[in-house]
Amino acid sequence: MLPSKATSLHIDLVGNLHKWMAFLAIAELRSLTRAALHLNSNQSMLSRQLNALERECNARLFVRTGRGVELTEMGLRIFPQVKALLEDAERLELGIRGEAHLPAGQVTLGLLPSLSHPLIGELFSRLHAQFPDVRLRVLEGSSGQVEEWLADARVDIALLYRYGPSLPEMEVALARVESYLVGAAGDPKTVGGQVPFRALDGLPFVLPGPPNGLRNALDAMARREHVTLETALEVDSLPLFKSLVAGQRLYTVLPLHAVWQEVQAGQLQAALIVDPPLQRTVSMAEARTKGPNRAVQAVTGLLTELFEENAGRGLWLPSRVAPAT
């Protein structure tokens, strides 16, 4: 935590670091002539800086020898501190320049497994090309886990599914996602491309166990529409969902992007749920306990681009949901 009042420091002696750069160069090269060449200066200017420094220190810092100059006892005593001071100043300058011009550092992204496949490969590729000093770390988890990571600042950015007309404060809507009834290849229920919600009545489902955002929304809609969802199996693994639907002739409800490759390959079939539809919003949130960071901003910018492009491909719909006010 930052202090509530300004730190009291008196640094007149180190206010101009150029004189200490001259001191360091002279001490290391043991010659005013070689130090002047190293600093792209001239010997008379360096002599004036050294004289001014010795007046401020009220002590001699060098003695002349037949081969050049040597540090005095005072000079030897302060040399390591001066070198450390200048190295710290250089690191500060490099850090400021890097923060101002080129994002750098590690960014941790938390998201649900169904969002990983259409995003992470392309996100990594673009980061590597545009921001090579930004390192990406990806954590996959359930919606509850991702929210916990976000609250604890274990992730910098979280991608979540939200249900309802508005989003929590400070979250940004990236896309609207339709829900699909997913069945095995050749399944008669999903062959037509669309199914009314009432067609889900009595089908054997593999679904995530509660608490889960999709499961909660699905159960709530089933109660409103007087539809019985027969849950044959509860699992929390997206690959297992797909395997069981394809191999055991079960059904599940997923967004299209979660099964895009399998549908394109003819391994699964998906029919849009309509009348009424079951929609969710993909939202993006940043950890509140962390300050602005250009590396995080670079990743959120690329994520926004990717969601817009994939909406054009038909993986999801453009967002129209606003944060809660």
Protein backbone atom coordinates (compact mmCIF):
# COMPACT_ATOMS: atom_id res chain seq x y z
CA MET A 1 0.00 0.00 0.00
CA LEU A 2 1.28 3.48 -0.84
CA PRO A 3 1.92 5.87 2.07
CA SER A 4 -0.68 8.52 2.80
CA LYS A 5 1.87 11.36 2.70
CA ALA A 6 4.93 12.13 0.64
CA THR A 7 8.20 10.53 1.69
CA SER A 8 10.65 13.15 2.96
CA LEU A 9 13.97 12.88 1.10
CA HIS A 10 16.81 15.40 0.63
CA ILE A 11 18.79 14.40 -2.46
CA ASP A 12 20.51 17.55 -3.69
CA LEU A 13 23.78 15.66 -3.91
CA VAL A 14 22.38 13.05 -6.34
CA GLY A 15 19.97 15.35 -8.15
CA ASN A 16 22.09 15.28 -11.31
CA LEU A 17 23.11 11.74 -12.17
CA HIS A 18 25.38 12.85 -15.03
CA LYS A 19 28.13 13.83 -12.57
CA TRP A 20 27.95 10.38 -10.99
CA MET A 21 28.14 8.78 -14.43
CA ALA A 22 31.34 10.78 -14.92
CA PHE A 23 32.63 9.61 -11.52
CA LEU A 24 31.91 5.97 -12.40
CA ALA A 25 33.56 6.18 -15.82
CA ILE A 26 36.69 7.87 -14.42
CA ALA A 27 36.92 5.35 -11.58
CA GLU A 28 36.58 2.32 -13.86
CA LEU A 29 38.82 3.60 -16.68
CA ARG A 30 41.29 5.37 -14.36
CA SER A 31 41.73 8.16 -16.87
CA LEU A 32 39.89 11.40 -17.61
CA THR A 33 40.85 11.13 -21.27
CA ARG A 34 39.46 7.59 -21.71
CA ALA A 35 36.34 8.49 -19.65
CA ALA A 36 35.69 11.51 -21.87
CA LEU A 37 35.88 9.32 -24.98
CA HIS A 38 33.61 6.72 -23.37
CA LEU A 39 31.00 9.35 -22.46
CA ASN A 40 31.31 11.18 -25.78
CA SER A 41 32.31 14.29 -23.84
CA ASN A 42 35.52 16.33 -23.51
CA GLN A 43 38.15 16.29 -20.81
CA SER A 44 37.62 19.88 -19.65
CA MET A 45 33.88 19.27 -19.16
CA LEU A 46 34.64 16.11 -17.21
CA SER A 47 37.15 17.95 -15.04
CA ARG A 48 34.57 20.61 -14.20
CA GLN A 49 31.99 17.94 -13.28
CA LEU A 50 34.52 16.18 -11.09
CA ASN A 51 35.54 19.41 -9.34
CA ALA A 52 31.89 20.27 -8.68
CA LEU A 53 31.27 16.79 -7.30
CA GLU A 54 34.23 16.98 -4.94
CA ARG A 55 33.04 20.37 -3.67
CA GLU A 56 29.59 18.93 -2.96
CA CYS A 57 31.10 15.90 -1.21
CA ASN A 58 33.59 18.13 0.62
CA ALA A 59 36.24 15.53 -0.06
CA ARG A 60 38.77 14.51 -2.69
CA LEU A 61 37.56 11.53 -4.71
CA PHE A 62 40.60 10.95 -6.95
CA VAL A 63 44.35 11.45 -6.82
CA ARG A 64 46.53 11.83 -9.90
CA THR A 65 49.20 9.23 -10.58
CA GLY A 66 51.77 8.82 -13.28
CA ARG A 67 49.37 6.55 -15.21
CA GLY A 68 46.14 8.50 -14.68
CA VAL A 69 43.95 8.73 -11.58
CA GLU A 70 43.11 6.50 -8.63
CA LEU A 71 40.22 6.59 -6.16
CA THR A 72 40.89 8.05 -2.74
CA GLU A 73 39.71 6.31 0.41
CA MET A 74 36.47 8.31 0.19
CA GLY A 75 36.10 7.44 -3.47
CA LEU A 76 36.61 3.75 -2.79
CA ARG A 77 34.01 3.84 -0.01
CA ILE A 78 31.24 5.38 -2.13
CA PHE A 79 32.08 3.61 -5.42
CA PRO A 80 29.84 0.52 -4.89
CA GLN A 81 26.92 2.68 -3.75
CA VAL A 82 27.26 4.97 -6.76
CA LYS A 83 27.39 2.00 -9.12
CA ALA A 84 24.28 0.49 -7.52
CA LEU A 85 22.49 3.85 -7.76
CA LEU A 86 23.21 4.17 -11.47
CA GLU A 87 22.24 0.54 -12.17
CA ASP A 88 18.92 1.11 -10.38
CA ALA A 89 18.36 4.27 -12.41
CA GLU A 90 19.06 2.37 -15.63
CA ARG A 91 16.60 -0.40 -14.69
CA LEU A 92 13.97 2.22 -13.89
CA GLU A 93 14.47 3.92 -17.25
CA LEU A 94 14.29 0.62 -19.14
CA GLY A 95 11.15 -0.33 -17.24
CA ILE A 96 9.48 2.99 -17.99
CA ARG A 97 10.43 2.85 -21.66
CA GLY A 98 9.24 -0.73 -21.94
CA GLU A 99 5.93 0.09 -20.23
CA ALA A 100 5.43 3.15 -22.41
CA HIS A 101 6.26 1.57 -25.78
CA LEU A 102 6.20 -2.21 -25.80
CA PRO A 103 3.99 -4.33 -23.52
CA ALA A 104 5.88 -6.98 -21.61
CA GLY A 105 5.29 -9.49 -18.84
CA GLN A 106 3.08 -12.46 -18.03
CA VAL A 107 -0.70 -12.30 -18.40
CA THR A 108 -2.84 -15.06 -16.88
CA LEU A 109 -6.14 -15.79 -18.61
CA GLY A 110 -8.87 -17.87 -16.96
CA LEU A 111 -11.66 -19.31 -19.06
CA LEU A 112 -14.07 -22.21 -19.53
CA PRO A 113 -12.97 -25.25 -21.59
CA SER A 114 -15.61 -24.63 -24.26
CA LEU A 115 -13.97 -21.29 -25.09
CA SER A 116 -10.38 -22.53 -25.19
CA HIS A 117 -10.27 -24.28 -28.54
CA PRO A 118 -11.53 -21.51 -30.82
CA LEU A 119 -9.40 -18.85 -29.13
CA ILE A 120 -6.12 -19.84 -27.51
CA GLY A 121 -4.15 -20.98 -30.56
CA GLU A 122 -4.91 -17.84 -32.54
CA LEU A 123 -4.45 -15.62 -29.48
CA PHE A 124 -0.98 -17.07 -28.90
CA SER A 125 -0.09 -16.63 -32.58
CA ARG A 126 -1.08 -12.96 -32.60
CA LEU A 127 0.60 -12.24 -29.29
CA HIS A 128 3.82 -13.81 -30.53
CA ALA A 129 3.72 -11.72 -33.71
CA GLN A 130 2.62 -8.37 -32.26
CA PHE A 131 3.76 -8.42 -28.62
CA PRO A 132 6.63 -10.91 -28.36
CA ASP A 133 7.51 -9.86 -24.81
CA VAL A 134 4.05 -10.75 -23.47
CA ARG A 135 3.87 -14.29 -22.05
CA LEU A 136 0.47 -15.96 -21.86
CA ARG A 137 -0.60 -18.36 -19.10
CA VAL A 138 -3.97 -20.09 -19.50
CA LEU A 139 -6.07 -21.64 -16.73
CA GLU A 140 -9.14 -23.71 -17.61
CA GLY A 141 -11.88 -24.30 -15.08
CA SER A 142 -15.57 -24.31 -14.31
CA SER A 143 -17.43 -21.01 -14.09
CA GLY A 144 -17.18 -21.12 -10.29
CA GLN A 145 -13.45 -21.73 -10.40
CA VAL A 146 -12.83 -18.94 -12.90
CA GLU A 147 -14.83 -16.49 -10.79
CA GLU A 148 -12.85 -17.52 -7.71
CA TRP A 149 -9.56 -17.00 -9.55
CA LEU A 150 -10.75 -13.59 -10.68
CA ALA A 151 -11.77 -12.54 -7.17
CA ASP A 152 -8.42 -13.67 -5.76
CA ALA A 153 -6.48 -12.03 -8.63
CA ARG A 154 -4.98 -15.39 -9.59
CA VAL A 155 -5.95 -14.47 -13.15
CA ASP A 156 -5.56 -11.08 -14.80
CA ILE A 157 -8.42 -11.65 -17.26
CA ALA A 158 -11.45 -13.92 -17.04
CA LEU A 159 -13.83 -15.03 -19.79
CA LEU A 160 -17.19 -16.12 -18.41
CA TYR A 161 -20.68 -17.09 -19.52
CA ARG A 162 -23.44 -14.86 -18.17
CA TYR A 163 -27.17 -15.46 -18.40
CA GLY A 164 -29.76 -12.69 -18.29
CA PRO A 165 -30.23 -9.22 -19.80
CA SER A 166 -27.31 -7.46 -18.07
CA LEU A 167 -23.78 -8.05 -16.85
CA PRO A 168 -22.11 -7.45 -13.51
CA GLU A 169 -20.40 -4.10 -13.13
CA MET A 170 -17.06 -3.66 -14.95
CA GLU A 171 -17.59 -6.68 -17.23
CA VAL A 172 -17.57 -6.27 -21.01
CA ALA A 173 -19.82 -8.29 -23.33
CA LEU A 174 -17.87 -9.92 -26.17
CA ALA A 175 -20.50 -12.10 -27.86
CA ARG A 176 -23.96 -13.63 -27.65
CA VAL A 177 -23.99 -17.40 -27.75
CA GLU A 178 -26.92 -19.59 -28.81
CA SER A 179 -27.49 -23.02 -27.28
CA TYR A 180 -27.66 -26.15 -29.43
CA LEU A 181 -29.03 -29.61 -28.86
CA VAL A 182 -26.08 -31.86 -29.68
CA GLY A 183 -26.55 -35.47 -30.80
CA ALA A 184 -24.63 -38.21 -32.55
CA ALA A 185 -24.10 -38.24 -36.30
CA GLY A 186 -27.31 -39.27 -38.07
CA ASP A 187 -29.50 -38.54 -35.04
CA PRO A 188 -33.09 -37.78 -36.20
CA LYS A 189 -33.75 -35.16 -33.51
CA THR A 190 -30.91 -32.87 -34.61
CA VAL A 191 -30.89 -33.50 -38.35
CA GLY A 192 -33.16 -30.56 -39.17
CA GLY A 193 -30.88 -27.80 -37.87
CA GLN A 194 -33.43 -26.39 -35.37
CA VAL A 195 -35.49 -27.86 -32.56
CA PRO A 196 -38.11 -26.25 -30.28
CA PHE A 197 -37.25 -26.38 -26.61
CA ARG A 198 -40.16 -28.75 -25.94
CA ALA A 199 -38.39 -31.37 -28.11
CA LEU A 200 -35.89 -31.82 -25.26
CA ASP A 201 -38.62 -33.43 -23.14
CA GLY A 202 -37.67 -36.94 -22.04
CA LEU A 203 -34.36 -37.17 -23.96
CA PRO A 204 -31.43 -38.83 -22.14
CA PHE A 205 -28.91 -36.09 -21.37
CA VAL A 206 -25.31 -35.86 -20.22
CA LEU A 207 -25.03 -32.52 -18.41
CA PRO A 208 -22.76 -30.75 -15.96
CA GLY A 209 -23.69 -31.19 -12.34
CA PRO A 210 -24.95 -28.25 -10.32
CA PRO A 211 -23.89 -25.62 -9.42
CA ASN A 212 -23.26 -24.66 -13.02
CA GLY A 213 -24.49 -21.65 -15.00
CA LEU A 214 -25.75 -23.62 -18.00
CA ARG A 215 -27.36 -26.28 -15.83
CA ASN A 216 -29.12 -23.64 -13.72
CA ALA A 217 -30.42 -21.80 -16.80
CA LEU A 218 -31.48 -25.04 -18.48
CA ASP A 219 -33.33 -26.30 -15.41
CA ALA A 220 -35.08 -22.94 -14.93
CA MET A 221 -36.27 -22.86 -18.55
CA ALA A 222 -37.42 -26.49 -18.34
CA ARG A 223 -39.58 -25.63 -15.33
CA ARG A 224 -41.11 -22.63 -17.13
CA GLU A 225 -41.83 -24.66 -20.27
CA HIS A 226 -43.02 -27.75 -18.35
CA VAL A 227 -40.32 -29.89 -19.94
CA THR A 228 -38.69 -32.85 -18.19
CA LEU A 229 -34.94 -33.13 -18.67
CA GLU A 230 -33.80 -36.70 -18.07
CA THR A 231 -30.21 -36.48 -16.83
CA ALA A 232 -28.70 -39.89 -17.53
CA LEU A 233 -25.18 -38.83 -16.51
CA GLU A 234 -23.49 -35.82 -14.92
CA VAL A 235 -19.90 -35.00 -15.92
CA ASP A 236 -17.72 -31.90 -15.86
CA SER A 237 -15.44 -32.64 -18.80
CA LEU A 238 -16.08 -31.21 -22.27
CA PRO A 239 -14.20 -33.99 -24.14
CA LEU A 240 -16.22 -36.54 -22.18
CA PHE A 241 -19.47 -34.80 -23.15
CA LYS A 242 -18.59 -35.17 -26.81
CA SER A 243 -17.41 -38.77 -26.47
CA LEU A 244 -20.56 -39.88 -24.63
CA VAL A 245 -22.88 -38.12 -27.06
CA ALA A 246 -21.14 -39.73 -30.05
CA GLY A 247 -20.68 -43.19 -28.55
CA GLN A 248 -23.62 -43.70 -26.18
CA ARG A 249 -26.36 -41.96 -28.18
CA LEU A 250 -26.92 -39.41 -25.43
CA TYR A 251 -27.66 -35.70 -25.88
CA THR A 252 -26.22 -32.55 -24.43
CA VAL A 253 -26.67 -28.78 -24.73
CA LEU A 254 -23.64 -26.77 -25.81
CA PRO A 255 -22.74 -23.65 -27.76
CA LEU A 256 -21.86 -24.28 -31.38
CA HIS A 257 -18.23 -23.22 -31.01
CA ALA A 258 -17.70 -26.01 -28.45
CA VAL A 259 -18.49 -28.68 -31.09
CA TRP A 260 -17.58 -26.77 -34.25
CA GLN A 261 -14.84 -29.14 -35.40
CA GLU A 262 -16.85 -32.31 -34.65
CA VAL A 263 -19.89 -30.98 -36.51
CA GLN A 264 -17.76 -29.97 -39.50
CA ALA A 265 -16.16 -33.44 -39.49
CA GLY A 266 -19.55 -35.19 -39.37
CA GLN A 267 -18.91 -36.75 -35.97
CA LEU A 268 -21.72 -34.88 -34.19
CA GLN A 269 -24.88 -33.03 -35.16
CA ALA A 270 -26.16 -29.82 -33.61
CA ALA A 271 -29.58 -28.19 -33.86
CA LEU A 272 -30.29 -24.65 -32.69
CA ILE A 273 -32.70 -24.55 -29.75
CA VAL A 274 -35.57 -22.15 -30.48
CA ASP A 275 -39.01 -21.28 -29.22
CA PRO A 276 -37.76 -20.17 -26.75
CA PRO A 277 -34.02 -19.84 -27.39
CA LEU A 278 -31.50 -20.28 -24.61
CA GLN A 279 -28.83 -17.61 -24.94
CA ARG A 280 -25.80 -16.66 -22.90
CA THR A 281 -23.27 -13.85 -23.09
CA VAL A 282 -19.51 -14.25 -23.16
CA SER A 283 -18.16 -11.56 -20.84
CA MET A 284 -14.64 -10.37 -20.14
CA ALA A 285 -13.51 -9.12 -16.73
CA GLU A 286 -10.18 -7.94 -15.33
CA ALA A 287 -8.97 -8.51 -11.77
CA ARG A 288 -9.88 -5.39 -9.78
CA THR A 289 -6.97 -5.63 -7.36
CA LYS A 290 -4.41 -5.12 -10.12
CA GLY A 291 -3.64 -1.75 -11.64
CA PRO A 292 -3.57 -0.87 -15.35
CA ASN A 293 -1.04 -2.94 -17.26
CA ARG A 294 -0.17 -2.58 -20.91
CA ALA A 295 0.40 -6.33 -21.30
CA VAL A 296 -3.12 -7.00 -20.02
CA GLN A 297 -4.49 -4.31 -22.33
CA ALA A 298 -2.71 -5.94 -25.27
CA VAL A 299 -4.36 -9.29 -24.53
CA THR A 300 -7.84 -7.83 -23.99
CA GLY A 301 -7.51 -5.93 -27.27
CA LEU A 302 -6.63 -9.10 -29.17
CA LEU A 303 -9.44 -11.03 -27.50
CA THR A 304 -11.92 -8.38 -28.60
CA GLU A 305 -10.63 -8.65 -32.18
CA LEU A 306 -10.90 -12.43 -32.16
CA PHE A 307 -14.46 -12.41 -30.88
CA GLU A 308 -15.49 -9.95 -33.58
CA GLU A 309 -13.85 -12.04 -36.30
CA ASN A 310 -15.35 -15.31 -35.08
CA ALA A 311 -18.79 -13.70 -35.00
CA GLY A 312 -18.30 -13.16 -38.72
CA ARG A 313 -17.50 -16.86 -39.14
CA GLY A 314 -20.76 -17.83 -37.41
CA LEU A 315 -19.31 -19.26 -34.20
CA TRP A 316 -21.41 -16.80 -32.17
CA LEU A 317 -23.38 -13.59 -32.52
CA PRO A 318 -22.12 -10.02 -32.02
CA SER A 319 -22.67 -8.74 -28.50
CA ARG A 320 -25.55 -6.47 -27.62
CA VAL A 321 -25.57 -6.80 -23.83
CA ALA A 322 -24.53 -3.83 -21.69
CA PRO A 323 -23.12 -3.90 -18.15
CA ALA A 324 -25.53 -3.36 -15.30
CA THR A 325 -25.95 0.27 -14.25
